[in-house]
């Protein structure tokens, strides 16, 4: 004789919307934390400080789609980023060099963003 199981699910749409909003807020805070982390690590080339301090920011224009970016708007940023072979001066930033995000992408700090995002979600999500 077959066994039958029935179930009923009720979704709390208010809570789901709240979790969506918390997720986007945690995403933005994670990007801001990464931006601060990169600044504190002193890995960006730094001559006058304009590229690091005034021209680099977190862009949240596409956050409704779950995307944030750390943008450097100075004209030399792309050239400096993709040419780590340059001889970077280290007077102002001791660890200055090209490809300054590599340590957080596939290096020793690659878990920084997932862990930071999870911590923000837990804190803001009430768990």
N, C-alpha and C. Protein backbone atom coordinates (compact mmCIF):
# COMPACT_ATOMS: atom_id res chain seq x y z
N UNK A 1 0.83 -1.16 0.00
CA UNK A 1 0.00 0.00 0.00
C UNK A 1 0.89 1.25 0.00
N UNK A 2 0.69 2.20 -0.94
CA UNK A 2 1.54 3.39 -1.01
C UNK A 2 1.24 4.37 0.14
N UNK A 3 2.31 5.07 0.54
CA UNK A 3 2.18 6.11 1.55
C UNK A 3 2.03 7.46 0.84
N UNK A 4 1.16 8.27 1.33
CA UNK A 4 0.95 9.59 0.77
C UNK A 4 1.32 10.65 1.80
N UNK A 5 1.96 11.68 1.31
CA UNK A 5 2.35 12.79 2.17
C UNK A 5 1.83 14.07 1.54
N UNK A 6 1.29 14.91 2.34
CA UNK A 6 0.89 16.22 1.83
C UNK A 6 1.53 17.28 2.72
N UNK A 7 1.77 18.41 2.12
CA UNK A 7 2.35 19.51 2.89
C UNK A 7 1.78 20.82 2.38
N UNK A 8 1.94 21.82 3.19
CA UNK A 8 1.44 23.15 2.85
C UNK A 8 2.53 24.14 3.24
N UNK A 9 2.87 25.06 2.33
CA UNK A 9 3.92 26.05 2.57
C UNK A 9 3.31 27.43 2.49
N UNK A 10 3.62 28.24 3.46
CA UNK A 10 3.16 29.63 3.46
C UNK A 10 4.40 30.52 3.46
N UNK A 11 4.55 31.33 2.44
CA UNK A 11 5.70 32.22 2.34
C UNK A 11 5.40 33.56 3.00
N UNK A 12 6.37 34.04 3.74
CA UNK A 12 6.26 35.35 4.37
C UNK A 12 6.92 36.36 3.43
N UNK A 13 6.13 36.94 2.54
CA UNK A 13 6.68 37.83 1.53
C UNK A 13 7.30 39.09 2.13
N UNK A 14 6.78 39.55 3.24
CA UNK A 14 7.39 40.70 3.90
C UNK A 14 8.80 40.40 4.36
N UNK A 15 9.00 39.23 4.94
CA UNK A 15 10.34 38.83 5.40
C UNK A 15 11.27 38.59 4.21
N UNK A 16 10.75 38.01 3.13
CA UNK A 16 11.58 37.80 1.94
C UNK A 16 12.06 39.13 1.36
N UNK A 17 11.19 40.12 1.31
CA UNK A 17 11.58 41.45 0.84
C UNK A 17 12.62 42.05 1.76
N UNK A 18 12.41 41.88 3.07
CA UNK A 18 13.37 42.38 4.05
C UNK A 18 14.74 41.72 3.84
N UNK A 19 14.76 40.42 3.60
CA UNK A 19 16.02 39.70 3.36
C UNK A 19 16.69 40.17 2.07
N UNK A 20 15.90 40.45 1.04
CA UNK A 20 16.47 41.01 -0.20
C UNK A 20 17.16 42.34 0.09
N UNK A 21 16.51 43.20 0.85
CA UNK A 21 17.09 44.50 1.19
C UNK A 21 18.35 44.35 2.05
N UNK A 22 18.31 43.42 2.99
CA UNK A 22 19.48 43.16 3.83
C UNK A 22 20.64 42.65 2.98
N UNK A 23 20.34 41.79 2.03
CA UNK A 23 21.38 41.25 1.15
C UNK A 23 22.07 42.36 0.37
N UNK A 24 21.29 43.28 -0.17
CA UNK A 24 21.88 44.38 -0.94
C UNK A 24 22.68 45.32 -0.04
N UNK A 25 22.19 45.57 1.16
CA UNK A 25 22.94 46.41 2.10
C UNK A 25 24.25 45.74 2.49
N UNK A 26 24.21 44.42 2.73
CA UNK A 26 25.43 43.69 3.08
C UNK A 26 26.42 43.69 1.93
N UNK A 27 25.91 43.62 0.71
CA UNK A 27 26.78 43.67 -0.46
C UNK A 27 27.50 45.01 -0.54
N UNK A 28 26.78 46.10 -0.34
CA UNK A 28 27.40 47.42 -0.37
C UNK A 28 28.42 47.58 0.76
N UNK A 29 28.08 47.14 1.95
CA UNK A 29 29.02 47.24 3.08
C UNK A 29 30.26 46.38 2.86
N UNK A 30 30.10 45.24 2.21
CA UNK A 30 31.24 44.39 1.90
C UNK A 30 32.18 45.08 0.93
N UNK A 31 31.62 45.72 -0.09
CA UNK A 31 32.45 46.46 -1.05
C UNK A 31 33.18 47.62 -0.37
N UNK A 32 32.49 48.32 0.52
CA UNK A 32 33.14 49.41 1.27
C UNK A 32 34.25 48.86 2.16
N UNK A 33 34.02 47.72 2.78
CA UNK A 33 35.04 47.11 3.63
C UNK A 33 36.26 46.69 2.81
N UNK A 34 36.03 46.15 1.62
CA UNK A 34 37.15 45.78 0.74
C UNK A 34 37.92 47.01 0.32
N UNK A 35 37.22 48.07 -0.02
CA UNK A 35 37.87 49.33 -0.40
C UNK A 35 38.77 49.81 0.74
N UNK A 36 38.26 49.79 1.95
CA UNK A 36 39.05 50.20 3.12
C UNK A 36 40.24 49.27 3.33
N UNK A 37 40.01 47.98 3.17
CA UNK A 37 41.07 46.99 3.35
C UNK A 37 42.22 47.22 2.37
N UNK A 38 41.88 47.49 1.12
CA UNK A 38 42.90 47.75 0.09
C UNK A 38 43.67 49.03 0.41
N UNK A 39 42.97 50.06 0.83
CA UNK A 39 43.64 51.30 1.23
C UNK A 39 44.60 51.05 2.39
N UNK A 40 44.14 50.35 3.40
CA UNK A 40 44.96 50.09 4.58
C UNK A 40 46.16 49.20 4.29
N UNK A 41 46.05 48.33 3.29
CA UNK A 41 47.16 47.45 2.92
C UNK A 41 48.24 48.20 2.14
N UNK A 42 47.97 49.41 1.73
CA UNK A 42 48.93 50.26 1.01
C UNK A 42 49.49 49.56 -0.23
N UNK A 43 48.61 49.02 -1.06
CA UNK A 43 49.04 48.29 -2.24
C UNK A 43 48.85 49.07 -3.54
N UNK A 44 48.06 50.14 -3.50
CA UNK A 44 47.85 50.93 -4.71
C UNK A 44 49.03 51.88 -4.93
N UNK A 45 49.40 52.10 -6.18
CA UNK A 45 50.43 53.11 -6.45
C UNK A 45 49.96 54.46 -5.90
N UNK A 46 50.88 55.19 -5.30
CA UNK A 46 50.52 56.41 -4.60
C UNK A 46 51.62 57.44 -4.83
N UNK A 47 51.28 58.47 -5.59
CA UNK A 47 52.22 59.57 -5.78
C UNK A 47 51.66 60.78 -5.04
N UNK A 48 50.57 61.33 -5.56
CA UNK A 48 49.93 62.46 -4.89
C UNK A 48 48.76 62.01 -4.02
N UNK A 49 48.32 60.77 -4.20
CA UNK A 49 47.20 60.24 -3.44
C UNK A 49 45.86 60.42 -4.13
N UNK A 50 45.84 61.13 -5.24
CA UNK A 50 44.59 61.39 -5.94
C UNK A 50 43.92 60.10 -6.43
N UNK A 51 44.69 59.20 -7.03
CA UNK A 51 44.11 57.97 -7.57
C UNK A 51 43.49 57.12 -6.45
N UNK A 52 44.18 56.96 -5.36
CA UNK A 52 43.69 56.14 -4.26
C UNK A 52 42.59 56.84 -3.47
N UNK A 53 42.78 58.09 -3.14
CA UNK A 53 41.89 58.76 -2.21
C UNK A 53 40.70 59.45 -2.84
N UNK A 54 40.87 60.09 -3.98
CA UNK A 54 39.78 60.85 -4.58
C UNK A 54 39.13 60.14 -5.76
N UNK A 55 39.88 59.33 -6.47
CA UNK A 55 39.37 58.73 -7.69
C UNK A 55 38.87 57.29 -7.53
N UNK A 56 39.04 56.69 -6.38
CA UNK A 56 38.60 55.32 -6.16
C UNK A 56 37.40 55.32 -5.22
N UNK A 57 36.32 54.66 -5.66
CA UNK A 57 35.08 54.68 -4.90
C UNK A 57 34.28 53.41 -5.19
N UNK A 58 33.29 53.15 -4.36
CA UNK A 58 32.37 52.02 -4.57
C UNK A 58 31.20 52.52 -5.40
N UNK A 59 31.00 51.90 -6.55
CA UNK A 59 29.91 52.25 -7.46
C UNK A 59 28.74 51.31 -7.20
N UNK A 60 27.62 51.86 -6.78
CA UNK A 60 26.44 51.06 -6.45
C UNK A 60 25.30 51.25 -7.45
N UNK A 61 25.59 51.77 -8.62
CA UNK A 61 24.52 52.06 -9.58
C UNK A 61 23.79 50.80 -10.04
N UNK A 62 24.44 49.64 -10.01
CA UNK A 62 23.79 48.40 -10.46
C UNK A 62 23.45 47.49 -9.28
N UNK A 63 23.36 48.06 -8.08
CA UNK A 63 23.08 47.22 -6.91
C UNK A 63 21.70 46.55 -6.97
N UNK A 64 20.69 47.12 -7.61
CA UNK A 64 19.42 46.39 -7.70
C UNK A 64 19.57 45.03 -8.39
N UNK A 65 20.58 44.88 -9.23
CA UNK A 65 20.86 43.61 -9.89
C UNK A 65 21.89 42.77 -9.14
N UNK A 66 22.28 43.22 -7.94
CA UNK A 66 23.23 42.46 -7.14
C UNK A 66 24.67 42.68 -7.54
N UNK A 67 24.98 43.84 -8.13
CA UNK A 67 26.34 44.13 -8.57
C UNK A 67 26.84 45.43 -7.96
N UNK A 68 28.03 45.40 -7.42
CA UNK A 68 28.74 46.60 -7.00
C UNK A 68 30.14 46.52 -7.58
N UNK A 69 30.77 47.66 -7.74
CA UNK A 69 32.12 47.71 -8.30
C UNK A 69 32.96 48.69 -7.50
N UNK A 70 34.24 48.40 -7.42
CA UNK A 70 35.18 49.38 -6.90
C UNK A 70 35.85 49.97 -8.13
N UNK A 71 35.64 51.25 -8.34
CA UNK A 71 36.06 51.93 -9.56
C UNK A 71 37.16 52.92 -9.24
N UNK A 72 38.16 52.95 -10.11
CA UNK A 72 39.18 53.99 -10.04
C UNK A 72 39.08 54.78 -11.32
N UNK A 73 38.70 56.04 -11.19
CA UNK A 73 38.41 56.87 -12.35
C UNK A 73 39.59 57.62 -12.93
N UNK A 74 40.77 57.46 -12.39
CA UNK A 74 41.91 58.19 -12.93
C UNK A 74 42.38 57.54 -14.23
N UNK A 75 42.87 58.33 -15.17
CA UNK A 75 43.24 57.80 -16.48
C UNK A 75 44.40 56.81 -16.46
N UNK A 76 45.27 56.90 -15.48
CA UNK A 76 46.44 56.01 -15.44
C UNK A 76 46.16 54.70 -14.71
N UNK A 77 45.01 54.55 -14.09
CA UNK A 77 44.74 53.38 -13.24
C UNK A 77 44.83 52.07 -14.01
N UNK A 78 44.26 52.00 -15.18
CA UNK A 78 44.28 50.75 -15.95
C UNK A 78 45.70 50.36 -16.33
N UNK A 79 46.46 51.32 -16.80
CA UNK A 79 47.84 51.06 -17.19
C UNK A 79 48.66 50.58 -16.00
N UNK A 80 48.50 51.22 -14.85
CA UNK A 80 49.25 50.83 -13.67
C UNK A 80 48.81 49.47 -13.14
N UNK A 81 47.51 49.21 -13.17
CA UNK A 81 46.99 47.95 -12.63
C UNK A 81 47.50 46.75 -13.42
N UNK A 82 47.48 46.85 -14.73
CA UNK A 82 47.82 45.69 -15.57
C UNK A 82 49.30 45.60 -15.93
N UNK A 83 50.13 46.41 -15.31
CA UNK A 83 51.58 46.34 -15.55
C UNK A 83 52.34 46.28 -14.23
N UNK A 84 52.29 45.12 -13.58
CA UNK A 84 52.99 44.99 -12.29
C UNK A 84 54.51 45.02 -12.44
N UNK A 85 54.99 44.93 -13.67
CA UNK A 85 56.44 44.95 -13.88
C UNK A 85 57.04 46.35 -13.73
N UNK A 86 56.19 47.37 -13.68
CA UNK A 86 56.70 48.73 -13.48
C UNK A 86 57.44 48.82 -12.15
N UNK A 87 58.34 49.77 -12.06
CA UNK A 87 59.09 50.00 -10.82
C UNK A 87 58.32 51.05 -10.01
N UNK A 88 57.43 50.60 -9.13
CA UNK A 88 56.58 51.50 -8.36
C UNK A 88 57.35 52.06 -7.18
N UNK A 89 57.21 53.36 -6.97
CA UNK A 89 57.84 53.95 -5.79
C UNK A 89 57.01 53.58 -4.57
N UNK A 90 57.69 53.35 -3.47
CA UNK A 90 57.01 52.88 -2.26
C UNK A 90 57.19 53.84 -1.08
N UNK A 91 57.38 55.10 -1.39
CA UNK A 91 57.56 56.10 -0.33
C UNK A 91 56.26 56.29 0.45
N UNK A 92 55.15 56.44 -0.26
CA UNK A 92 53.86 56.70 0.39
C UNK A 92 53.08 55.43 0.72
N UNK A 93 53.13 54.44 -0.14
CA UNK A 93 52.50 53.14 0.10
C UNK A 93 53.57 52.07 0.00
N UNK A 94 53.89 51.48 1.13
CA UNK A 94 55.01 50.55 1.21
C UNK A 94 54.87 49.33 0.30
N UNK A 95 53.65 48.91 0.01
CA UNK A 95 53.43 47.70 -0.78
C UNK A 95 52.90 47.99 -2.18
N UNK A 96 53.10 49.20 -2.65
CA UNK A 96 52.55 49.63 -3.94
C UNK A 96 53.04 48.75 -5.08
N UNK A 97 52.13 48.47 -5.99
CA UNK A 97 52.45 47.66 -7.15
C UNK A 97 51.23 47.54 -8.05
N UNK A 98 51.38 46.80 -9.12
CA UNK A 98 50.26 46.56 -10.02
C UNK A 98 49.38 45.44 -9.49
N UNK A 99 48.24 45.25 -10.10
CA UNK A 99 47.28 44.18 -9.78
C UNK A 99 47.01 44.14 -8.27
N UNK A 100 46.67 45.28 -7.71
CA UNK A 100 46.55 45.41 -6.27
C UNK A 100 45.36 44.66 -5.66
N UNK A 101 44.45 44.17 -6.45
CA UNK A 101 43.35 43.37 -5.90
C UNK A 101 43.64 41.87 -5.88
N UNK A 102 44.74 41.43 -6.46
CA UNK A 102 45.03 40.00 -6.57
C UNK A 102 45.03 39.27 -5.23
N UNK A 103 45.50 39.90 -4.18
CA UNK A 103 45.54 39.23 -2.87
C UNK A 103 44.14 38.91 -2.35
N UNK A 104 43.14 39.67 -2.81
CA UNK A 104 41.77 39.45 -2.37
C UNK A 104 40.97 38.63 -3.38
N UNK A 105 41.52 38.45 -4.57
CA UNK A 105 40.84 37.65 -5.60
C UNK A 105 41.25 36.19 -5.50
N UNK A 106 42.56 35.95 -5.51
CA UNK A 106 43.04 34.57 -5.54
C UNK A 106 44.28 34.39 -4.66
N UNK A 107 44.43 35.27 -3.70
CA UNK A 107 45.63 35.22 -2.86
C UNK A 107 45.28 34.91 -1.42
N UNK A 108 46.11 35.38 -0.51
CA UNK A 108 45.94 35.03 0.91
C UNK A 108 44.66 35.58 1.55
N UNK A 109 44.05 36.59 0.94
CA UNK A 109 42.83 37.19 1.52
C UNK A 109 41.59 36.87 0.69
N UNK A 110 41.65 35.79 -0.09
CA UNK A 110 40.53 35.48 -0.99
C UNK A 110 39.23 35.18 -0.25
N UNK A 111 39.29 34.85 1.04
CA UNK A 111 38.08 34.61 1.81
C UNK A 111 37.52 35.87 2.47
N UNK A 112 38.19 36.99 2.27
CA UNK A 112 37.77 38.23 2.93
C UNK A 112 36.34 38.61 2.57
N UNK A 113 36.03 38.68 1.29
CA UNK A 113 34.69 39.12 0.87
C UNK A 113 33.59 38.14 1.28
N UNK A 114 33.74 36.84 1.03
CA UNK A 114 32.67 35.93 1.48
C UNK A 114 32.45 35.96 2.99
N UNK A 115 33.52 36.02 3.76
CA UNK A 115 33.39 36.04 5.22
C UNK A 115 32.79 37.36 5.71
N UNK A 116 33.22 38.45 5.10
CA UNK A 116 32.70 39.76 5.48
C UNK A 116 31.22 39.87 5.14
N UNK A 117 30.85 39.40 3.94
CA UNK A 117 29.44 39.42 3.53
C UNK A 117 28.60 38.57 4.49
N UNK A 118 29.08 37.38 4.83
CA UNK A 118 28.35 36.50 5.74
C UNK A 118 28.18 37.14 7.10
N UNK A 119 29.22 37.83 7.58
CA UNK A 119 29.12 38.50 8.88
C UNK A 119 28.10 39.62 8.85
N UNK A 120 28.09 40.42 7.77
CA UNK A 120 27.08 41.48 7.65
C UNK A 120 25.67 40.90 7.56
N UNK A 121 25.51 39.81 6.81
CA UNK A 121 24.20 39.18 6.69
C UNK A 121 23.71 38.68 8.06
N UNK A 122 24.60 38.04 8.79
CA UNK A 122 24.23 37.52 10.11
C UNK A 122 23.86 38.65 11.06
N UNK A 123 24.63 39.72 11.02
CA UNK A 123 24.38 40.84 11.92
C UNK A 123 23.07 41.55 11.57
N UNK A 124 22.85 41.81 10.30
CA UNK A 124 21.65 42.56 9.90
C UNK A 124 20.43 41.67 9.75
N UNK A 125 20.65 40.38 9.54
CA UNK A 125 19.53 39.47 9.37
C UNK A 125 18.94 38.96 10.67
N UNK A 126 19.59 39.30 11.76
CA UNK A 126 19.06 38.92 13.06
C UNK A 126 19.49 37.54 13.53
N UNK A 127 20.58 37.01 12.95
CA UNK A 127 21.03 35.67 13.37
C UNK A 127 22.45 35.72 13.84
